[in-house]
Amino acid sequence: MIRDVFWTPVGDVGVEHLRLSIDQAGIAAESVVVGTRDAEPFRIYYEVECDDSWQTERIHVSTLGRTSRSMTLRADGEGTWLDEEGGELLGLSGGVDVDISATPFTNTLPIQRLPLSAGESTELTVAYVSIPDLDLDTDAQRYTCLDPVDEDGGRFRYDAVDGDFTAELVVDPDGLVVDYSDLFTRIGT
C-alpha cells in the first residue's frame, strides 16, 4: 500500500505532504513540511521507519535551507535510542515512539501499535523532536480510545501528561489523522 496525505495547520500557514508505504518489510513514511513556528518560516524533511507492528526503528529529520541540519536516530522498541554513531542517547530513555512536533503523522504510531478498546487509555513516553530546532527530549503522553478504528475511522483523545494540553484526534481507517482539534486538518489524499 502507498498513500499520499496532505495536512495543513489550523490558523497558521503551512502544508505537509506525507508518503506512507506499507509492505512485507514494514512501514516507511517520508514527508516534507513547510510552515512557520513563532512567525518564523521553516522547511523540514523527515523519515520514520517502523516494523510491521508499527514499532519505531529509525527516524531521520533534516531542516532544509542554506544552514540545514539533520539527525538520524535508531530505536530498539524498548526505550533505547541511538545516535548516528551508535551512541546511546540516555536523555531519551524510555521513549518507545517518536513525536515530531510539526506533524500529526507521529500520532498514528501509538494509535496503530496499541489496539485500544473504547474507553481504554494508555500512558507512554515518547522521544520528542522539536521543530525547527531539532531539540530532543522525552514527553509523557496519554491516548484514550473514544471510538476504536474500524472501516469508518476512529476517535482518540490525546493528553499531555505533564501539562494541560488535550486534543481530540479523528482518524481514518488506517489510523491517519483527519482532524487534530485546533492544530491540523487533512486537506487531501
Foldseek 3Di string as FASTA:
>chain_A
DWDWWKKAWFPFDKMKIKIWDQDQAFIKIWMWIWGDDPNHTWIKIKMWTDGNLLWTAKMKMWTDDPPIDIWMWGDPQQFWIATPVRHTDVQRGFAGFEAEPRDPASVLSCLRNPQDAAQDKDKGKHFYQYPPVRDTHIFIKMKHFNAGQDQAFGKIWIAGPVDGDIWIFTGHNSSGGQDTPNTMHIDGD
